[in-house]
Amino acid sequence: MKNLDRFSYIALFDAYKTLLTEKQQQILTLYYFNDFGLTEIGENLGVSRQAVLDAIKKAETVLVESEKSLKLVEKSKKVNVLLDSIKTSDQKTKEVIKEIKDLI
């Protein structure tokens, strides 16, 4: 699961960010969501480029290991596929499906 693409890490971050320190959350937000470079993040936070890189690697490890154990992102994707496969013309059922998708 190492060497995931940007979107995979973003999905993992959304699922497991509360397991990260506040500083790790801040760094990953700048890196993945704001597309800041390592040097730019370091300058903004007053730390070295290497410290930023180390924080990213540690945080990514937490995210990947959490997904290996809990599989929340994998299960969420499967639930979405199943919900998408439900064919209905009933408006109430469509609303319930939308509510479920908004929860996951």
PDB file of N, CA and C in Angstrom:
ATOM      1  N   MET A   1       0.821  -1.198   0.000  1.00  0.00           N
ATOM      2  CA  MET A   1       0.000   0.000   0.000  1.00  0.00           C
ATOM      3  C   MET A   1       0.866   1.262   0.000  1.00  0.00           C
ATOM      4  N   LYS A   2       2.160   1.111   0.100  1.00  0.00           N
ATOM      5  CA  LYS A   2       3.071   2.256   0.045  1.00  0.00           C
ATOM      6  C   LYS A   2       3.054   2.860  -1.351  1.00  0.00           C
ATOM      7  N   ASN A   3       3.527   4.092  -1.448  1.00  0.00           N
ATOM      8  CA  ASN A   3       3.600   4.805  -2.721  1.00  0.00           C
ATOM      9  C   ASN A   3       2.223   4.985  -3.369  1.00  0.00           C
ATOM     10  N   LEU A   4       1.276   5.373  -2.583  1.00  0.00           N
ATOM     11  CA  LEU A   4      -0.062   5.638  -3.087  1.00  0.00           C
ATOM     12  C   LEU A   4      -0.076   6.971  -3.816  1.00  0.00           C
ATOM     13  N   ASP A   5      -1.095   7.181  -4.624  1.00  0.00           N
ATOM     14  CA  ASP A   5      -1.200   8.468  -5.295  1.00  0.00           C
ATOM     15  C   ASP A   5      -1.827   9.503  -4.348  1.00  0.00           C
ATOM     16  N   ARG A   6      -1.774  10.738  -4.773  1.00  0.00           N
ATOM     17  CA  ARG A   6      -2.262  11.874  -3.984  1.00  0.00           C
ATOM     18  C   ARG A   6      -3.716  11.667  -3.516  1.00  0.00           C
ATOM     19  N   PHE A   7      -4.572  11.207  -4.413  1.00  0.00           N
ATOM     20  CA  PHE A   7      -5.988  11.052  -4.084  1.00  0.00           C
ATOM     21  C   PHE A   7      -6.217   9.950  -3.051  1.00  0.00           C
ATOM     22  N   SER A   8      -5.406   8.917  -3.100  1.00  0.00           N
ATOM     23  CA  SER A   8      -5.508   7.847  -2.095  1.00  0.00           C
ATOM     24  C   SER A   8      -5.133   8.374  -0.716  1.00  0.00           C
ATOM     25  N   TYR A   9      -4.058   9.160  -0.655  1.00  0.00           N
ATOM     26  CA  TYR A   9      -3.669   9.734   0.638  1.00  0.00           C
ATOM     27  C   TYR A   9      -4.716  10.720   1.150  1.00  0.00           C
ATOM     28  N   ILE A  10      -5.339  11.452   0.248  1.00  0.00           N
ATOM     29  CA  ILE A  10      -6.393  12.383   0.656  1.00  0.00           C
ATOM     30  C   ILE A  10      -7.575  11.609   1.243  1.00  0.00           C
ATOM     31  N   ALA A  11      -7.946  10.502   0.609  1.00  0.00           N
ATOM     32  CA  ALA A  11      -9.043   9.668   1.135  1.00  0.00           C
ATOM     33  C   ALA A  11      -8.682   9.118   2.512  1.00  0.00           C
ATOM     34  N   LEU A  12      -7.447   8.655   2.665  1.00  0.00           N
ATOM     35  CA  LEU A  12      -7.006   8.146   3.968  1.00  0.00           C
ATOM     36  C   LEU A  12      -6.985   9.266   5.010  1.00  0.00           C
ATOM     37  N   PHE A  13      -6.529  10.435   4.601  1.00  0.00           N
ATOM     38  CA  PHE A  13      -6.500  11.588   5.508  1.00  0.00           C
ATOM     39  C   PHE A  13      -7.910  11.921   5.987  1.00  0.00           C
ATOM     40  N   ASP A  14      -8.855  11.939   5.070  1.00  0.00           N
ATOM     41  CA  ASP A  14     -10.246  12.246   5.443  1.00  0.00           C
ATOM     42  C   ASP A  14     -10.789  11.236   6.446  1.00  0.00           C
ATOM     43  N   ALA A  15     -10.387   9.974   6.294  1.00  0.00           N
ATOM     44  CA  ALA A  15     -10.897   8.933   7.182  1.00  0.00           C
ATOM     45  C   ALA A  15     -10.198   8.894   8.535  1.00  0.00           C
ATOM     46  N   TYR A  16      -8.897   9.182   8.553  1.00  0.00           N
ATOM     47  CA  TYR A  16      -8.102   8.936   9.761  1.00  0.00           C
ATOM     48  C   TYR A  16      -7.372  10.155  10.321  1.00  0.00           C
ATOM     49  N   LYS A  17      -7.695  11.349   9.868  1.00  0.00           N
ATOM     50  CA  LYS A  17      -6.932  12.524  10.292  1.00  0.00           C
ATOM     51  C   LYS A  17      -6.917  12.729  11.801  1.00  0.00           C
ATOM     52  N   THR A  18      -7.941  12.293  12.483  1.00  0.00           N
ATOM     53  CA  THR A  18      -7.979  12.488  13.938  1.00  0.00           C
ATOM     54  C   THR A  18      -6.915  11.655  14.656  1.00  0.00           C
ATOM     55  N   LEU A  19      -6.330  10.698  13.958  1.00  0.00           N
ATOM     56  CA  LEU A  19      -5.265   9.884  14.554  1.00  0.00           C
ATOM     57  C   LEU A  19      -3.902  10.563  14.440  1.00  0.00           C
ATOM     58  N   LEU A  20      -3.847  11.656  13.704  1.00  0.00           N
ATOM     59  CA  LEU A  20      -2.606  12.391  13.506  1.00  0.00           C
ATOM     60  C   LEU A  20      -2.501  13.543  14.500  1.00  0.00           C
ATOM     61  N   THR A  21      -1.278  13.982  14.739  1.00  0.00           N
ATOM     62  CA  THR A  21      -1.098  15.169  15.580  1.00  0.00           C
ATOM     63  C   THR A  21      -1.604  16.389  14.822  1.00  0.00           C
ATOM     64  N   GLU A  22      -1.829  17.449  15.552  1.00  0.00           N
ATOM     65  CA  GLU A  22      -2.284  18.692  14.927  1.00  0.00           C
ATOM     66  C   GLU A  22      -1.260  19.178  13.891  1.00  0.00           C
ATOM     67  N   LYS A  23       0.027  19.069  14.223  1.00  0.00           N
ATOM     68  CA  LYS A  23       1.094  19.501  13.306  1.00  0.00           C
ATOM     69  C   LYS A  23       1.097  18.632  12.045  1.00  0.00           C
ATOM     70  N   GLN A  24       0.930  17.318  12.191  1.00  0.00           N
ATOM     71  CA  GLN A  24       0.861  16.429  11.023  1.00  0.00           C
ATOM     72  C   GLN A  24      -0.344  16.779  10.152  1.00  0.00           C
ATOM     73  N   GLN A  25      -1.472  17.047  10.778  1.00  0.00           N
ATOM     74  CA  GLN A  25      -2.665  17.442  10.021  1.00  0.00           C
ATOM     75  C   GLN A  25      -2.402  18.726   9.243  1.00  0.00           C
ATOM     76  N   GLN A  26      -1.765  19.664   9.885  1.00  0.00           N
ATOM     77  CA  GLN A  26      -1.465  20.949   9.252  1.00  0.00           C
ATOM     78  C   GLN A  26      -0.526  20.747   8.056  1.00  0.00           C
ATOM     79  N   ILE A  27       0.509  19.954   8.255  1.00  0.00           N
ATOM     80  CA  ILE A  27       1.484  19.718   7.186  1.00  0.00           C
ATOM     81  C   ILE A  27       0.833  18.980   6.019  1.00  0.00           C
ATOM     82  N   LEU A  28       0.057  17.940   6.298  1.00  0.00           N
ATOM     83  CA  LEU A  28      -0.578  17.189   5.210  1.00  0.00           C
ATOM     84  C   LEU A  28      -1.610  18.040   4.482  1.00  0.00           C
ATOM     85  N   THR A  29      -2.291  18.907   5.194  1.00  0.00           N
ATOM     86  CA  THR A  29      -3.246  19.800   4.546  1.00  0.00           C
ATOM     87  C   THR A  29      -2.525  20.722   3.567  1.00  0.00           C
ATOM     88  N   LEU A  30      -1.423  21.290   4.008  1.00  0.00           N
ATOM     89  CA  LEU A  30      -0.643  22.161   3.122  1.00  0.00           C
ATOM     90  C   LEU A  30      -0.081  21.378   1.935  1.00  0.00           C
ATOM     91  N   TYR A  31       0.378  20.181   2.191  1.00  0.00           N
ATOM     92  CA  TYR A  31       1.027  19.378   1.165  1.00  0.00           C
ATOM     93  C   TYR A  31       0.038  18.806   0.144  1.00  0.00           C
ATOM     94  N   TYR A  32      -1.024  18.172   0.633  1.00  0.00           N
ATOM     95  CA  TYR A  32      -1.957  17.493  -0.270  1.00  0.00           C
ATOM     96  C   TYR A  32      -3.089  18.374  -0.781  1.00  0.00           C
ATOM     97  N   PHE A  33      -3.595  19.253   0.046  1.00  0.00           N
ATOM     98  CA  PHE A  33      -4.755  20.047  -0.346  1.00  0.00           C
ATOM     99  C   PHE A  33      -4.364  21.404  -0.954  1.00  0.00           C
ATOM    100  N   ASN A  34      -3.271  21.983  -0.457  1.00  0.00           N
ATOM    101  CA  ASN A  34      -2.859  23.302  -0.934  1.00  0.00           C
ATOM    102  C   ASN A  34      -1.696  23.227  -1.909  1.00  0.00           C
ATOM    103  N   ASP A  35      -1.161  22.019  -2.111  1.00  0.00           N
ATOM    104  CA  ASP A  35      -0.090  21.769  -3.075  1.00  0.00           C
ATOM    105  C   ASP A  35       1.180  22.578  -2.784  1.00  0.00           C
ATOM    106  N   PHE A  36       1.474  22.755  -1.491  1.00  0.00           N
ATOM    107  CA  PHE A  36       2.711  23.430  -1.102  1.00  0.00           C
ATOM    108  C   PHE A  36       3.878  22.459  -1.236  1.00  0.00           C
ATOM    109  N   GLY A  37       5.043  22.979  -1.546  1.00  0.00           N
ATOM    110  CA  GLY A  37       6.260  22.181  -1.573  1.00  0.00           C
ATOM    111  C   GLY A  37       6.833  22.037  -0.173  1.00  0.00           C
ATOM    112  N   LEU A  38       7.787  21.130  -0.009  1.00  0.00           N
ATOM    113  CA  LEU A  38       8.379  20.877   1.309  1.00  0.00           C
ATOM    114  C   LEU A  38       9.050  22.124   1.876  1.00  0.00           C
ATOM    115  N   THR A  39       9.821  22.809   1.041  1.00  0.00           N
ATOM    116  CA  THR A  39      10.515  24.023   1.493  1.00  0.00           C
ATOM    117  C   THR A  39       9.513  25.096   1.886  1.00  0.00           C
ATOM    118  N   GLU A  40       8.475  25.255   1.089  1.00  0.00           N
ATOM    119  CA  GLU A  40       7.447  26.261   1.361  1.00  0.00           C
ATOM    120  C   GLU A  40       6.736  25.977   2.686  1.00  0.00           C
ATOM    121  N   ILE A  41       6.423  24.710   2.925  1.00  0.00           N
ATOM    122  CA  ILE A  41       5.781  24.337   4.197  1.00  0.00           C
ATOM    123  C   ILE A  41       6.724  24.639   5.350  1.00  0.00           C
ATOM    124  N   GLY A  42       7.980  24.244   5.197  1.00  0.00           N
ATOM    125  CA  GLY A  42       8.970  24.492   6.238  1.00  0.00           C
ATOM    126  C   GLY A  42       9.102  25.963   6.572  1.00  0.00           C
ATOM    127  N   GLU A  43       9.154  26.793   5.543  1.00  0.00           N
ATOM    128  CA  GLU A  43       9.264  28.240   5.755  1.00  0.00           C
ATOM    129  C   GLU A  43       8.042  28.786   6.483  1.00  0.00           C
ATOM    130  N   ASN A  44       6.857  28.308   6.106  1.00  0.00           N
ATOM    131  CA  ASN A  44       5.617  28.777   6.747  1.00  0.00           C
ATOM    132  C   ASN A  44       5.507  28.337   8.201  1.00  0.00           C
ATOM    133  N   LEU A  45       6.068  27.165   8.511  1.00  0.00           N
ATOM    134  CA  LEU A  45       5.937  26.619   9.866  1.00  0.00           C
ATOM    135  C   LEU A  45       7.195  26.810  10.712  1.00  0.00           C
ATOM    136  N   GLY A  46       8.227  27.353  10.107  1.00  0.00           N
ATOM    137  CA  GLY A  46       9.456  27.597  10.854  1.00  0.00           C
ATOM    138  C   GLY A  46      10.236  26.342  11.188  1.00  0.00           C
ATOM    139  N   VAL A  47      10.176  25.354  10.289  1.00  0.00           N
ATOM    140  CA  VAL A  47      10.933  24.113  10.473  1.00  0.00           C
ATOM    141  C   VAL A  47      11.708  23.814   9.190  1.00  0.00           C
ATOM    142  N   SER A  48      12.614  22.864   9.278  1.00  0.00           N
ATOM    143  CA  SER A  48      13.422  22.531   8.105  1.00  0.00           C
ATOM    144  C   SER A  48      12.619  21.713   7.096  1.00  0.00           C
ATOM    145  N   ARG A  49      13.118  21.717   5.890  1.00  0.00           N
ATOM    146  CA  ARG A  49      12.530  20.897   4.826  1.00  0.00           C
ATOM    147  C   ARG A  49      12.535  19.427   5.241  1.00  0.00           C
ATOM    148  N   GLN A  50      13.620  18.988   5.861  1.00  0.00           N
ATOM    149  CA  GLN A  50      13.743  17.593   6.299  1.00  0.00           C
ATOM    150  C   GLN A  50      12.710  17.264   7.375  1.00  0.00           C
ATOM    151  N   ALA A  51      12.454  18.209   8.274  1.00  0.00           N
ATOM    152  CA  ALA A  51      11.439  17.988   9.316  1.00  0.00           C
ATOM    153  C   ALA A  51      10.059  17.811   8.684  1.00  0.00           C
ATOM    154  N   VAL A  52       9.780  18.581   7.654  1.00  0.00           N
ATOM    155  CA  VAL A  52       8.507  18.462   6.936  1.00  0.00           C
ATOM    156  C   VAL A  52       8.412  17.094   6.279  1.00  0.00           C
ATOM    157  N   LEU A  53       9.461  16.687   5.590  1.00  0.00           N
ATOM    158  CA  LEU A  53       9.474  15.385   4.929  1.00  0.00           C
ATOM    159  C   LEU A  53       9.289  14.258   5.935  1.00  0.00           C
ATOM    160  N   ASP A  54       9.985  14.330   7.059  1.00  0.00           N
ATOM    161  CA  ASP A  54       9.848  13.306   8.108  1.00  0.00           C
ATOM    162  C   ASP A  54       8.416  13.249   8.639  1.00  0.00           C
ATOM    163  N   ALA A  55       7.812  14.420   8.847  1.00  0.00           N
ATOM    164  CA  ALA A  55       6.434  14.475   9.357  1.00  0.00           C
ATOM    165  C   ALA A  55       5.461  13.872   8.348  1.00  0.00           C
ATOM    166  N   ILE A  56       5.672  14.148   7.079  1.00  0.00           N
ATOM    167  CA  ILE A  56       4.800  13.590   6.036  1.00  0.00           C
ATOM    168  C   ILE A  56       4.918  12.077   6.014  1.00  0.00           C
ATOM    169  N   LYS A  57       6.130  11.569   6.032  1.00  0.00           N
ATOM    170  CA  LYS A  57       6.343  10.116   5.981  1.00  0.00           C
ATOM    171  C   LYS A  57       5.734   9.425   7.204  1.00  0.00           C
ATOM    172  N   LYS A  58       5.926   9.998   8.382  1.00  0.00           N
ATOM    173  CA  LYS A  58       5.344   9.415   9.593  1.00  0.00           C
ATOM    174  C   LYS A  58       3.822   9.434   9.534  1.00  0.00           C
ATOM    175  N   ALA A  59       3.262  10.545   9.087  1.00  0.00           N
ATOM    176  CA  ALA A  59       1.808  10.660   8.996  1.00  0.00           C
ATOM    177  C   ALA A  59       1.247   9.684   7.970  1.00  0.00           C
ATOM    178  N   GLU A  60       1.917   9.578   6.821  1.00  0.00           N
ATOM    179  CA  GLU A  60       1.465   8.626   5.800  1.00  0.00           C
ATOM    180  C   GLU A  60       1.500   7.195   6.329  1.00  0.00           C
ATOM    181  N   THR A  61       2.507   6.876   7.117  1.00  0.00           N
ATOM    182  CA  THR A  61       2.593   5.543   7.712  1.00  0.00           C
ATOM    183  C   THR A  61       1.408   5.293   8.639  1.00  0.00           C
ATOM    184  N   VAL A  62       1.073   6.283   9.455  1.00  0.00           N
ATOM    185  CA  VAL A  62      -0.096   6.153  10.349  1.00  0.00           C
ATOM    186  C   VAL A  62      -1.358   5.924   9.523  1.00  0.00           C
ATOM    187  N   LEU A  63      -1.533   6.688   8.455  1.00  0.00           N
ATOM    188  CA  LEU A  63      -2.730   6.562   7.622  1.00  0.00           C
ATOM    189  C   LEU A  63      -2.811   5.183   6.973  1.00  0.00           C
ATOM    190  N   VAL A  64      -1.702   4.731   6.409  1.00  0.00           N
ATOM    191  CA  VAL A  64      -1.679   3.433   5.721  1.00  0.00           C
ATOM    192  C   VAL A  64      -1.902   2.290   6.709  1.00  0.00           C
ATOM    193  N   GLU A  65      -1.238   2.348   7.839  1.00  0.00           N
ATOM    194  CA  GLU A  65      -1.393   1.286   8.841  1.00  0.00           C
ATOM    195  C   GLU A  65      -2.809   1.271   9.417  1.00  0.00           C
ATOM    196  N   SER A  66      -3.395   2.433   9.581  1.00  0.00           N
ATOM    197  CA  SER A  66      -4.778   2.505  10.076  1.00  0.00           C
ATOM    198  C   SER A  66      -5.731   1.866   9.074  1.00  0.00           C
ATOM    199  N   GLU A  67      -5.524   2.143   7.795  1.00  0.00           N
ATOM    200  CA  GLU A  67      -6.387   1.543   6.765  1.00  0.00           C
ATOM    201  C   GLU A  67      -6.183   0.039   6.693  1.00  0.00           C
ATOM    202  N   LYS A  68      -4.955  -0.428   6.846  1.00  0.00           N
ATOM    203  CA  LYS A  68      -4.695  -1.874   6.850  1.00  0.00           C
ATOM    204  C   LYS A  68      -5.474  -2.554   7.964  1.00  0.00           C
ATOM    205  N   SER A  69      -5.558  -1.902   9.107  1.00  0.00           N
ATOM    206  CA  SER A  69      -6.253  -2.479  10.259  1.00  0.00           C
ATOM    207  C   SER A  69      -7.767  -2.329  10.191  1.00  0.00           C
ATOM    208  N   LEU A  70      -8.214  -1.137   9.874  1.00  0.00           N
ATOM    209  CA  LEU A  70      -9.639  -0.829   9.969  1.00  0.00           C
ATOM    210  C   LEU A  70     -10.405  -0.917   8.653  1.00  0.00           C
ATOM    211  N   LYS A  71      -9.728  -0.668   7.542  1.00  0.00           N
ATOM    212  CA  LYS A  71     -10.308  -0.765   6.201  1.00  0.00           C
ATOM    213  C   LYS A  71     -11.546   0.122   5.998  1.00  0.00           C
ATOM    214  N   LEU A  72     -11.562   1.295   6.628  1.00  0.00           N
ATOM    215  CA  LEU A  72     -12.719   2.190   6.500  1.00  0.00           C
ATOM    216  C   LEU A  72     -12.888   2.717   5.083  1.00  0.00           C
ATOM    217  N   VAL A  73     -11.788   3.081   4.438  1.00  0.00           N
ATOM    218  CA  VAL A  73     -11.869   3.624   3.082  1.00  0.00           C
ATOM    219  C   VAL A  73     -12.304   2.530   2.115  1.00  0.00           C
ATOM    220  N   GLU A  74     -11.724   1.359   2.263  1.00  0.00           N
ATOM    221  CA  GLU A  74     -12.104   0.232   1.400  1.00  0.00           C
ATOM    222  C   GLU A  74     -13.590  -0.106   1.552  1.00  0.00           C
ATOM    223  N   LYS A  75     -14.063  -0.176   2.781  1.00  0.00           N
ATOM    224  CA  LYS A  75     -15.474  -0.488   3.032  1.00  0.00           C
ATOM    225  C   LYS A  75     -16.388   0.607   2.495  1.00  0.00           C
ATOM    226  N   SER A  76     -15.969   1.850   2.649  1.00  0.00           N
ATOM    227  CA  SER A  76     -16.752   2.969   2.145  1.00  0.00           C
ATOM    228  C   SER A  76     -16.913   2.888   0.629  1.00  0.00           C
ATOM    229  N   LYS A  77     -15.838   2.562  -0.057  1.00  0.00           N
ATOM    230  CA  LYS A  77     -15.908   2.418  -1.512  1.00  0.00           C
ATOM    231  C   LYS A  77     -16.865   1.295  -1.907  1.00  0.00           C
ATOM    232  N   LYS A  78     -16.803   0.184  -1.192  1.00  0.00           N
ATOM    233  CA  LYS A  78     -17.689  -0.940  -1.493  1.00  0.00           C
ATOM    234  C   LYS A  78     -19.154  -0.588  -1.245  1.00  0.00           C
ATOM    235  N   VAL A  79     -19.405   0.125  -0.165  1.00  0.00           N
ATOM    236  CA  VAL A  79     -20.782   0.545   0.136  1.00  0.00           C
ATOM    237  C   VAL A  79     -21.291   1.478  -0.960  1.00  0.00           C
ATOM    238  N   ASN A  80     -20.442   2.400  -1.414  1.00  0.00           N
ATOM    239  CA  ASN A  80     -20.856   3.311  -2.487  1.00  0.00           C
ATOM    240  C   ASN A  80     -21.173   2.559  -3.775  1.00  0.00           C
ATOM    241  N   VAL A  81     -20.368   1.565  -4.101  1.00  0.00           N
ATOM    242  CA  VAL A  81     -20.626   0.754  -5.296  1.00  0.00           C
ATOM    243  C   VAL A  81     -21.970   0.040  -5.157  1.00  0.00           C
ATOM    244  N   LEU A  82     -22.224  -0.531  -3.998  1.00  0.00           N
ATOM    245  CA  LEU A  82     -23.496  -1.224  -3.770  1.00  0.00           C
ATOM    246  C   LEU A  82     -24.673  -0.260  -3.845  1.00  0.00           C
ATOM    247  N   LEU A  83     -24.521   0.899  -3.252  1.00  0.00           N
ATOM    248  CA  LEU A  83     -25.600   1.883  -3.308  1.00  0.00           C
ATOM    249  C   LEU A  83     -25.856   2.347  -4.736  1.00  0.00           C
ATOM    250  N   ASP A  84     -24.777   2.516  -5.504  1.00  0.00           N
ATOM    251  CA  ASP A  84     -24.929   2.920  -6.903  1.00  0.00           C
ATOM    252  C   ASP A  84     -25.630   1.851  -7.732  1.00  0.00           C
ATOM    253  N   SER A  85     -25.529   0.607  -7.293  1.00  0.00           N
ATOM    254  CA  SER A  85     -26.127  -0.482  -8.058  1.00  0.00           C
ATOM    255  C   SER A  85     -27.633  -0.625  -7.821  1.00  0.00           C
ATOM    256  N   ILE A  86     -28.144   0.058  -6.813  1.00  0.00           N
ATOM    257  CA  ILE A  86     -29.572  -0.023  -6.517  1.00  0.00           C
ATOM    258  C   ILE A  86     -30.345   0.792  -7.551  1.00  0.00           C
ATOM    259  N   LYS A  87     -31.206   0.123  -8.263  1.00  0.00           N
ATOM    260  CA  LYS A  87     -32.044   0.781  -9.276  1.00  0.00           C
ATOM    261  C   LYS A  87     -33.436   0.982  -8.677  1.00  0.00           C
ATOM    262  N   THR A  88     -33.834   2.240  -8.611  1.00  0.00           N
ATOM    263  CA  THR A  88     -35.150   2.524  -8.049  1.00  0.00           C
ATOM    264  C   THR A  88     -35.718   3.797  -8.663  1.00  0.00           C
ATOM    265  N   SER A  89     -37.007   3.830  -8.760  1.00  0.00           N
ATOM    266  CA  SER A  89     -37.672   5.052  -9.193  1.00  0.00           C
ATOM    267  C   SER A  89     -38.386   5.707  -8.005  1.00  0.00           C
ATOM    268  N   ASP A  90     -38.360   5.015  -6.863  1.00  0.00           N
ATOM    269  CA  ASP A  90     -38.995   5.518  -5.656  1.00  0.00           C
ATOM    270  C   ASP A  90     -38.179   6.677  -5.071  1.00  0.00           C
ATOM    271  N   GLN A  91     -38.799   7.829  -4.966  1.00  0.00           N
ATOM    272  CA  GLN A  91     -38.097   9.027  -4.508  1.00  0.00           C
ATOM    273  C   GLN A  91     -37.598   8.874  -3.076  1.00  0.00           C
ATOM    274  N   LYS A  92     -38.378   8.268  -2.208  1.00  0.00           N
ATOM    275  CA  LYS A  92     -37.973   8.092  -0.810  1.00  0.00           C
ATOM    276  C   LYS A  92     -36.719   7.224  -0.733  1.00  0.00           C
ATOM    277  N   THR A  93     -36.681   6.162  -1.520  1.00  0.00           N
ATOM    278  CA  THR A  93     -35.506   5.290  -1.536  1.00  0.00           C
ATOM    279  C   THR A  93     -34.290   6.055  -2.034  1.00  0.00           C
ATOM    280  N   LYS A  94     -34.455   6.873  -3.045  1.00  0.00           N
ATOM    281  CA  LYS A  94     -33.355   7.692  -3.559  1.00  0.00           C
ATOM    282  C   LYS A  94     -32.836   8.644  -2.480  1.00  0.00           C
ATOM    283  N   GLU A  95     -33.748   9.221  -1.708  1.00  0.00           N
ATOM    284  CA  GLU A  95     -33.351  10.136  -0.641  1.00  0.00           C
ATOM    285  C   GLU A  95     -32.570   9.401   0.448  1.00  0.00           C
ATOM    286  N   VAL A  96     -33.020   8.200   0.787  1.00  0.00           N
ATOM    287  CA  VAL A  96     -32.327   7.408   1.804  1.00  0.00           C
ATOM    288  C   VAL A  96     -30.930   7.027   1.317  1.00  0.00           C
ATOM    289  N   ILE A  97     -30.811   6.637   0.072  1.00  0.00           N
ATOM    290  CA  ILE A  97     -29.514   6.299  -0.511  1.00  0.00           C
ATOM    291  C   ILE A  97     -28.585   7.505  -0.452  1.00  0.00           C
ATOM    292  N   LYS A  98     -29.103   8.680  -0.793  1.00  0.00           N
ATOM    293  CA  LYS A  98     -28.287   9.895  -0.742  1.00  0.00           C
ATOM    294  C   LYS A  98     -27.839  10.193   0.683  1.00  0.00           C
ATOM    295  N   GLU A  99     -28.719  10.027   1.643  1.00  0.00           N
ATOM    296  CA  GLU A  99     -28.365  10.271   3.039  1.00  0.00           C
ATOM    297  C   GLU A  99     -27.265   9.310   3.502  1.00  0.00           C
ATOM    298  N   ILE A 100     -27.378   8.050   3.103  1.00  0.00           N
ATOM    299  CA  ILE A 100     -26.352   7.065   3.470  1.00  0.00           C
ATOM    300  C   ILE A 100     -25.015   7.456   2.846  1.00  0.00           C
ATOM    301  N   LYS A 101     -25.027   7.832   1.579  1.00  0.00           N
ATOM    302  CA  LYS A 101     -23.781   8.227   0.907  1.00  0.00           C
ATOM    303  C   LYS A 101     -23.153   9.447   1.556  1.00  0.00           C
ATOM    304  N   ASP A 102     -23.979  10.364   2.020  1.00  0.00           N
ATOM    305  CA  ASP A 102     -23.449  11.560   2.686  1.00  0.00           C
ATOM    306  C   ASP A 102     -22.791  11.221   4.028  1.00  0.00           C
ATOM    307  N   LEU A 103     -23.192  10.107   4.630  1.00  0.00           N
ATOM    308  CA  LEU A 103     -22.619   9.696   5.906  1.00  0.00           C
ATOM    309  C   LEU A 103     -21.254   9.025   5.756  1.00  0.00           C
ATOM    310  N   ILE A 104     -21.011   8.456   4.579  1.00  0.00           N
ATOM    311  CA  ILE A 104     -19.755   7.713   4.415  1.00  0.00           C
ATOM    312  C   ILE A 104     -18.736   8.435   3.586  1.00  0.00           C
TER     313      ILE A 104
END
